[in-house]
Amino acid sequence: MHTLKLRKVGSSIGVILPKELLERLHLQEGDQLFAEENSTGLHLTPLDPDFEATMAAFERTRRKYRNALHQLAK
């Protein structure tokens, strides 16, 4: 667990992430983090939740139309 400090950045407030956390998550300046509020607090992730939902929908479609997609690929 890491303790993060809030700092004023212009007219906003930013969170400073420790270098070792950035390295472990393969994050660098300019990358996006997605914040999701849940019953236990706040979840920060570099993974886009909309992308995950899109990929799940694609997987359902791919399985359902497997033969048709195979024929189209020829």
Protein backbone atom coordinates (compact mmCIF):
# COMPACT_ATOMS: atom_id res chain seq x y z
CA MET A 1 0.00 0.00 0.00
CA HIS A 2 1.22 3.49 -0.84
CA THR A 3 0.31 6.76 0.82
CA LEU A 4 -0.28 9.37 -1.87
CA LYS A 5 -0.08 13.10 -1.38
CA LEU A 6 -2.42 15.63 -2.98
CA ARG A 7 -0.74 18.73 -4.41
CA LYS A 8 -2.02 21.88 -6.05
CA VAL A 9 -1.33 21.84 -9.81
CA GLY A 10 -2.49 25.10 -11.35
CA SER A 11 -6.14 25.51 -10.39
CA SER A 12 -6.56 21.74 -9.85
CA ILE A 13 -5.38 19.19 -7.32
CA GLY A 14 -3.09 16.34 -8.44
CA VAL A 15 -1.89 13.09 -6.90
CA ILE A 16 1.83 12.34 -6.80
CA LEU A 17 2.57 8.68 -7.57
CA PRO A 18 5.84 7.18 -6.28
CA LYS A 19 8.44 6.26 -8.91
CA GLU A 20 8.40 2.53 -7.98
CA LEU A 21 4.61 2.41 -8.46
CA LEU A 22 4.90 4.08 -11.87
CA GLU A 23 7.58 1.59 -12.92
CA ARG A 24 5.56 -1.43 -11.71
CA LEU A 25 2.46 -0.25 -13.61
CA HIS A 26 4.53 0.77 -16.67
CA LEU A 27 3.16 4.31 -16.48
CA GLN A 28 4.83 7.51 -17.54
CA GLU A 29 3.98 11.17 -17.83
CA GLY A 30 1.04 11.73 -20.17
CA ASP A 31 -0.50 8.28 -19.69
CA GLN A 32 -4.15 8.05 -18.67
CA LEU A 33 -5.50 6.55 -15.47
CA PHE A 34 -9.16 5.69 -15.06
CA ALA A 35 -10.83 6.24 -11.68
CA GLU A 36 -13.81 4.14 -10.64
CA GLU A 37 -15.64 4.67 -7.38
CA ASN A 38 -16.89 1.53 -5.66
CA SER A 39 -18.18 0.48 -2.24
CA THR A 40 -14.66 0.25 -0.77
CA GLY A 41 -13.34 3.54 -2.14
CA LEU A 42 -11.59 4.55 -5.35
CA HIS A 43 -10.01 2.19 -7.86
CA LEU A 44 -7.35 3.62 -10.22
CA THR A 45 -6.39 1.60 -13.28
CA PRO A 46 -4.51 2.21 -16.52
CA LEU A 47 -7.01 -0.10 -18.28
CA ASP A 48 -9.90 1.62 -20.06
CA PRO A 49 -13.16 0.05 -18.77
CA ASP A 50 -14.95 0.97 -22.02
CA PHE A 51 -12.32 -0.94 -23.99
CA GLU A 52 -12.84 -3.99 -21.77
CA ALA A 53 -16.60 -3.88 -22.42
CA THR A 54 -16.01 -3.49 -26.16
CA MET A 55 -13.65 -6.48 -26.22
CA ALA A 56 -16.16 -8.61 -24.27
CA ALA A 57 -18.88 -7.73 -26.82
CA PHE A 58 -16.51 -8.59 -29.67
CA GLU A 59 -15.72 -11.97 -28.09
CA ARG A 60 -19.44 -12.81 -27.85
CA THR A 61 -19.94 -11.81 -31.50
CA ARG A 62 -16.82 -13.67 -32.63
CA ARG A 63 -18.01 -16.90 -31.00
CA LYS A 64 -21.57 -16.56 -32.32
CA TYR A 65 -20.51 -15.83 -35.93
CA ARG A 66 -17.30 -17.87 -35.98
CA ASN A 67 -18.12 -19.74 -39.20
CA ALA A 68 -19.32 -16.66 -41.06
CA LEU A 69 -16.20 -14.70 -40.07
CA HIS A 70 -14.04 -17.63 -41.16
CA GLN A 71 -15.72 -17.66 -44.58
CA LEU A 72 -15.33 -13.87 -44.94
CA ALA A 73 -11.63 -14.15 -44.15
CA LYS A 74 -11.03 -16.41 -47.18
